[in-house]
Protein backbone atom coordinates (compact mmCIF):
# COMPACT_ATOMS: atom_id res chain seq x y z
CA MET A 1 -72.40 -41.77 -100.50
CA LYS A 2 -68.82 -40.59 -100.52
CA THR A 3 -69.99 -37.10 -99.68
CA ALA A 4 -71.82 -38.34 -96.57
CA LEU A 5 -68.74 -40.23 -95.29
CA LEU A 6 -66.49 -37.25 -95.80
CA THR A 7 -68.90 -34.98 -93.97
CA GLY A 8 -69.06 -37.39 -91.02
CA LEU A 9 -65.29 -37.64 -90.81
CA VAL A 10 -64.89 -33.87 -90.71
CA LEU A 11 -67.52 -33.59 -87.95
CA SER A 12 -65.76 -36.22 -85.85
CA LEU A 13 -62.42 -34.44 -86.11
CA SER A 14 -64.04 -31.16 -85.09
CA LEU A 15 -65.57 -32.71 -81.98
CA LEU A 16 -62.26 -34.34 -81.04
CA MET A 17 -60.31 -31.08 -81.32
CA SER A 18 -62.89 -29.23 -79.23
CA SER A 19 -62.61 -31.70 -76.32
CA CYS A 20 -58.77 -31.45 -76.30
CA GLY A 21 -58.87 -27.65 -76.01
CA GLN A 22 -61.19 -27.78 -72.99
CA SER A 23 -58.90 -30.30 -71.24
CA GLU A 24 -55.85 -27.98 -71.62
CA GLU A 25 -57.72 -24.99 -70.13
CA SER A 26 -58.99 -26.91 -67.06
CA THR A 27 -55.57 -28.39 -66.08
CA PRO A 28 -53.14 -25.58 -64.88
CA THR A 29 -49.49 -26.00 -65.41
CA SER A 30 -47.60 -26.35 -62.00
CA ILE A 31 -44.47 -24.21 -61.69
CA THR A 32 -41.99 -25.05 -58.95
CA ALA A 33 -40.78 -21.91 -57.11
CA PRO A 34 -37.00 -21.54 -56.83
CA PRO A 35 -35.56 -22.25 -53.37
CA GLN A 36 -35.09 -19.20 -51.14
CA PRO A 37 -31.43 -18.38 -50.51
CA THR A 38 -30.20 -19.01 -46.99
CA THR A 39 -29.14 -15.79 -45.27
CA GLU A 40 -25.77 -15.57 -43.56
CA LYS A 41 -27.39 -14.83 -40.20
CA SER A 42 -29.59 -17.93 -40.38
CA ALA A 43 -26.59 -20.03 -41.29
CA GLU A 44 -24.69 -18.83 -38.22
CA LEU A 45 -27.52 -19.52 -35.76
CA PRO A 46 -28.49 -22.97 -34.49
CA GLU A 47 -31.82 -24.55 -35.35
CA GLY A 48 -34.75 -22.43 -34.11
CA ALA A 49 -32.62 -19.43 -33.28
CA ALA A 50 -33.28 -17.74 -36.61
CA ASP A 51 -37.03 -17.57 -35.90
CA LYS A 52 -36.45 -16.03 -32.47
CA SER A 53 -34.04 -13.54 -33.95
CA ASP A 54 -36.55 -12.49 -36.61
CA SER A 55 -39.30 -12.08 -33.99
CA ASN A 56 -37.00 -9.97 -31.82
CA LEU A 57 -36.19 -7.73 -34.76
CA ALA A 58 -39.91 -7.27 -35.37
CA ASN A 59 -40.40 -6.23 -31.70
CA PRO A 60 -38.07 -3.29 -30.87
CA ASP A 61 -38.88 -3.48 -27.12
CA ILE A 62 -36.98 -6.72 -26.69
CA VAL A 63 -33.30 -6.23 -25.96
CA VAL A 64 -31.09 -8.92 -27.36
CA PRO A 65 -28.00 -9.46 -25.17
CA ALA A 66 -24.70 -9.29 -26.98
CA ALA A 67 -22.94 -12.57 -27.47
CA PRO A 68 -19.91 -13.00 -25.14
CA GLN A 69 -16.65 -12.34 -26.88
CA SER A 70 -13.85 -14.86 -26.70
CA PRO A 71 -10.64 -13.70 -24.98
CA PRO A 72 -7.85 -12.74 -27.36
CA VAL A 73 -5.56 -15.54 -28.27
CA ALA A 74 -1.99 -14.90 -27.11
CA ASN A 75 0.53 -14.73 -29.84
CA LYS A 76 3.14 -17.27 -28.93
CA ASN A 77 5.52 -15.87 -31.50
CA VAL A 78 5.77 -12.45 -29.85
CA THR A 79 9.29 -11.90 -28.55
CA LYS A 80 9.60 -9.92 -25.35
CA SER A 81 11.91 -6.96 -25.65
CA ALA A 82 15.17 -7.39 -23.78
CA PRO A 83 15.63 -5.25 -20.64
CA ILE A 84 17.67 -2.10 -21.03
CA PRO A 85 21.18 -2.88 -19.84
CA VAL A 86 22.35 -0.90 -16.83
CA PRO A 87 25.66 0.79 -17.48
CA ALA A 88 28.42 -0.75 -15.46
CA ALA A 89 29.98 1.36 -12.69
CA ASN A 90 33.38 2.90 -13.32
CA ILE A 91 36.26 0.60 -12.38
CA PRO A 92 37.99 1.97 -9.27
CA THR A 93 41.64 2.77 -9.59
CA ALA A 94 44.18 0.45 -8.08
CA SER A 95 45.05 2.99 -5.40
CA SER A 96 41.48 2.97 -4.04
CA ARG A 97 40.55 -0.69 -4.46
CA ASN A 98 40.08 -2.52 -1.11
CA VAL A 99 42.44 -0.16 0.70
CA PRO A 100 42.21 -0.70 4.48
CA PRO A 101 41.67 2.51 6.46
CA VAL A 102 44.94 4.01 7.59
CA SER A 103 44.57 6.53 10.37
CA GLY A 104 47.04 9.34 10.84
CA PHE A 105 47.33 9.92 7.09
CA ASN A 106 45.68 12.83 5.31
CA ASN A 107 44.40 12.18 1.81
CA GLY A 108 41.45 14.55 1.86
CA ASN A 109 42.18 16.12 -1.52
CA GLY A 110 41.60 12.87 -3.37
CA GLY A 111 44.92 13.03 -5.21
CA GLN A 112 44.24 16.34 -6.95
CA ALA A 113 46.97 18.82 -7.91
CA ILE A 114 48.47 20.77 -5.05
CA ALA A 115 47.75 24.13 -6.71
CA LYS A 116 45.61 25.57 -9.48
CA THR A 117 48.03 28.35 -10.40
CA PHE A 118 50.05 26.52 -13.06
CA GLN A 119 50.29 28.50 -16.29
CA SER A 120 51.32 25.75 -18.70
CA LEU A 121 48.87 23.36 -20.32
CA ASP A 122 47.95 20.34 -18.18
CA ILE A 123 49.11 17.23 -20.09
CA SER A 124 48.36 14.64 -17.41
CA GLY A 125 45.97 12.79 -19.73
CA THR A 126 48.73 11.96 -22.20
CA ILE A 127 51.44 10.82 -19.78
CA VAL A 128 50.32 7.27 -18.97
CA PRO A 129 49.75 6.40 -22.67
CA TYR A 130 53.21 7.80 -23.39
CA LEU A 131 54.79 5.57 -20.72
CA ILE A 132 52.91 2.53 -22.05
CA ALA A 133 54.18 3.21 -25.57
CA ASN A 134 57.75 3.61 -24.29
CA LYS A 135 57.68 0.79 -21.75
CA GLN A 136 60.74 -0.94 -23.19
CA LYS A 137 62.81 2.24 -23.42
CA ILE A 138 62.29 3.09 -19.76
CA SER A 139 62.47 -0.59 -18.65
CA ALA A 140 59.13 -0.31 -16.88
CA CYS A 141 57.32 -3.22 -15.22
CA GLN A 142 59.93 -5.91 -15.77
CA ASP A 143 58.98 -9.51 -14.87
CA THR A 144 55.29 -8.66 -14.51
CA LEU A 145 52.24 -9.63 -16.53
CA PHE A 146 51.74 -6.34 -18.35
CA ASP A 147 48.21 -5.49 -19.47
CA PRO A 148 48.03 -2.06 -21.18
CA SER A 149 44.27 -1.73 -20.64
CA PHE A 150 44.69 -2.35 -16.90
CA VAL A 151 47.65 0.00 -16.71
CA ASN A 152 45.76 2.79 -18.44
CA THR A 153 42.76 2.37 -16.12
CA ALA A 154 44.50 1.83 -12.78
CA SER A 155 47.38 4.31 -13.06
CA ASN A 156 47.29 7.85 -11.65
CA THR A 157 49.03 11.10 -12.54
CA TYR A 158 49.55 14.03 -10.14
CA ARG A 159 50.80 17.45 -11.14
CA VAL A 160 53.49 18.52 -8.67
CA GLY A 161 55.06 21.45 -10.54
CA GLU A 162 54.68 23.75 -13.52
CA ASN A 163 55.89 21.06 -15.93
CA THR A 164 56.46 18.16 -13.51
CA TYR A 165 54.20 15.20 -12.77
CA LEU A 166 54.34 12.30 -10.33
CA VAL A 167 53.16 9.13 -12.06
CA HIS A 168 51.73 6.14 -10.20
CA PHE A 169 52.23 3.46 -12.85
CA ALA A 170 50.17 0.31 -12.15
CA CYS A 171 52.03 -2.54 -13.83
CA GLY A 172 49.49 -5.23 -13.02
CA SER A 173 47.96 -7.07 -10.12
CA SER A 174 48.87 -10.05 -7.98
CA ALA A 175 46.30 -12.29 -6.31
CA TYR A 176 45.16 -9.60 -3.87
CA GLN A 177 47.01 -6.33 -4.53
CA THR A 178 48.54 -4.10 -7.18
CA LEU A 179 52.09 -4.11 -8.53
CA GLN A 180 53.18 -0.51 -9.11
CA GLU A 181 56.07 1.78 -9.91
CA TYR A 182 56.54 5.54 -9.51
CA TYR A 183 58.04 7.92 -12.05
CA LEU A 184 58.77 11.62 -12.28
CA TYR A 185 57.73 13.06 -15.64
CA GLU A 186 59.25 16.43 -16.60
CA LYS A 187 58.12 18.18 -19.78
CA THR A 188 60.63 21.00 -20.28
CA THR A 189 61.48 20.29 -23.91
CA ASP A 190 59.86 18.41 -26.77
CA LYS A 191 61.22 15.17 -25.32
CA PRO A 192 60.17 14.56 -21.70
CA VAL A 193 62.57 13.41 -19.00
CA ILE A 194 61.42 10.22 -17.26
CA THR A 195 63.01 9.46 -13.87
CA PRO A 196 62.24 6.17 -12.04
CA LEU A 197 61.59 6.56 -8.30
CA PRO A 198 62.72 3.39 -6.49
CA ILE A 199 60.92 2.45 -3.27
CA THR A 200 62.72 1.39 -0.09
CA TYR A 201 61.14 -1.14 2.27
CA PHE A 202 62.12 -3.36 5.20
CA TYR A 203 61.42 -6.98 6.09
CA THR A 204 62.61 -9.51 8.65
CA ASP A 205 64.54 -12.51 7.35
CA LEU A 206 64.42 -16.06 8.70
CA GLN A 207 67.20 -15.27 11.18
CA GLY A 208 65.19 -12.40 12.63
CA ASN A 209 67.36 -9.70 11.08
CA LEU A 210 65.81 -6.51 9.67
CA VAL A 211 66.70 -6.24 6.01
CA GLU A 212 66.49 -3.07 3.89
CA GLU A 213 65.69 -3.40 0.16
CA THR A 214 65.07 -0.92 -2.67
CA GLU A 215 63.03 -1.90 -5.72
CA ARG A 216 61.31 -0.15 -8.60
CA THR A 217 58.25 -2.39 -8.33
CA MET A 218 56.29 -2.50 -5.08
CA ALA A 219 53.22 -4.58 -4.28
CA GLY A 220 50.42 -3.05 -2.25
CA PHE A 221 47.81 -0.30 -2.13
CA SER A 222 49.13 3.20 -2.72
CA ASN A 223 47.83 6.70 -1.99
CA PHE A 224 49.30 10.16 -2.59
CA ASP A 225 48.65 13.25 -0.45
CA PRO A 226 49.35 16.38 -2.56
CA PRO A 227 49.62 18.97 0.25
CA THR A 228 52.38 17.04 2.02
CA GLN A 229 53.83 15.45 -1.15
CA THR A 230 53.69 12.14 0.70
CA ILE A 231 52.95 8.63 -0.52
CA ASN A 232 51.83 5.75 1.68
CA ILE A 233 51.91 2.13 0.55
CA PHE A 234 50.20 -0.65 2.49
CA THR A 235 51.44 -4.13 1.51
CA LYS A 236 49.74 -7.34 2.58
CA SER A 237 51.94 -10.32 3.40
CA ARG A 238 48.97 -12.56 2.62
CA GLY A 239 45.44 -12.14 1.35
CA LEU A 240 43.83 -12.18 4.80
CA GLY A 241 45.56 -8.88 5.58
CA ASP A 242 46.48 -9.77 9.14
CA CYS A 243 50.14 -9.07 8.50
CA GLY A 244 52.19 -6.82 6.26
CA SER A 245 53.82 -3.41 6.16
CA LEU A 246 53.03 0.28 5.83
CA GLY A 247 55.56 2.73 4.43
CA PHE A 248 55.52 6.53 4.13
CA TYR A 249 57.58 8.35 1.47
CA LYS A 250 58.09 12.00 0.66
CA LEU A 251 58.79 13.36 -2.80
CA VAL A 252 61.96 15.41 -2.48
CA GLY A 253 63.33 16.66 -5.81
CA SER A 254 63.63 13.54 -7.95
CA GLU A 255 63.61 11.04 -5.06
CA LEU A 256 61.11 9.25 -2.87
CA LYS A 257 62.69 9.49 0.57
CA ILE A 258 61.41 7.03 3.15
CA GLN A 259 59.98 8.73 6.24
CA ARG A 260 58.53 5.88 8.32
CA PHE A 261 58.15 2.16 7.94
CA LEU A 262 55.90 -0.13 10.02
CA VAL A 263 55.86 -3.94 9.91
CA LYS A 264 53.74 -6.73 11.42
CA ASP A 265 55.47 -10.04 10.69
CA GLU A 266 53.14 -12.31 12.66
CA CYS A 267 50.42 -13.68 10.38
CA ASP A 268 48.36 -14.79 13.38
CA GLY A 269 44.83 -14.12 12.16
CA ASN A 270 44.51 -10.98 14.26
CA TYR A 271 43.82 -7.89 12.16
CA ILE A 272 44.94 -4.52 13.49
CA ASP A 273 45.06 -1.11 11.85
CA PRO A 274 48.29 -0.89 9.81
CA ILE A 275 49.10 2.42 11.49
CA ASP A 276 49.44 0.39 14.72
CA TYR A 277 52.06 -1.97 13.28
CA PRO A 278 55.43 -1.88 15.09
CA GLN A 279 57.68 0.82 13.65
CA VAL A 280 61.02 -0.46 12.35
CA TYR A 281 62.25 2.76 10.71
CA PRO A 282 63.56 5.18 11.72
């Protein structure tokens, strides 16, 4: 009896195990495929554009127009290079600044030396700085606003002999003309000889009398004519220039001798050529 029950139990277990094995073979295991990675091109294109792009790549006859490029963005931080500065023009000398034309006076040589036959070294470039450095010793430019940079720029030096120079020393400027003195510079030894050259002029006083004066400092516009060794000085009585004087001086030895002097006292608003002013000397 026990043997029959044991045999039945074994048979039942065998049948049960056989049915389980068939069930496992008939039911496949489902495996989920991993998601496909998104390409960079598909990510950049809007919905549906990726499919069209792929179809165009498959058909080489279709030309895909290039996407319009955006204009370059201006860099606001870029600093424009500054323009190249134009060199300033040379400052004209006092003797040529706003000088009215004076007819009957020859200054064609431009103030150059009267001859090129001098044998000694030309030292004209050192004379004006020397006078500036020794201003107190020679009592130059008294009672004037002295500006060494102006003096050095506006002064002129003319060689009139082997070792002799005429110096137009520009002390400064008034409202509308230059204040100047003349010197004779002689370099015969180690120490030069400096000779002031006073300037004579005439004016009419309140009583109508012609007055003669001689001063070291003279206001006006000055020119020197080397061939004739003559200086002319035009002086305005006022800024308009409708009145004033014109004097002519000749360098004789160590003096400036007055040759002619013309004066227009009437400041009437009528401008005439200074050479047409009434002559009061000689």
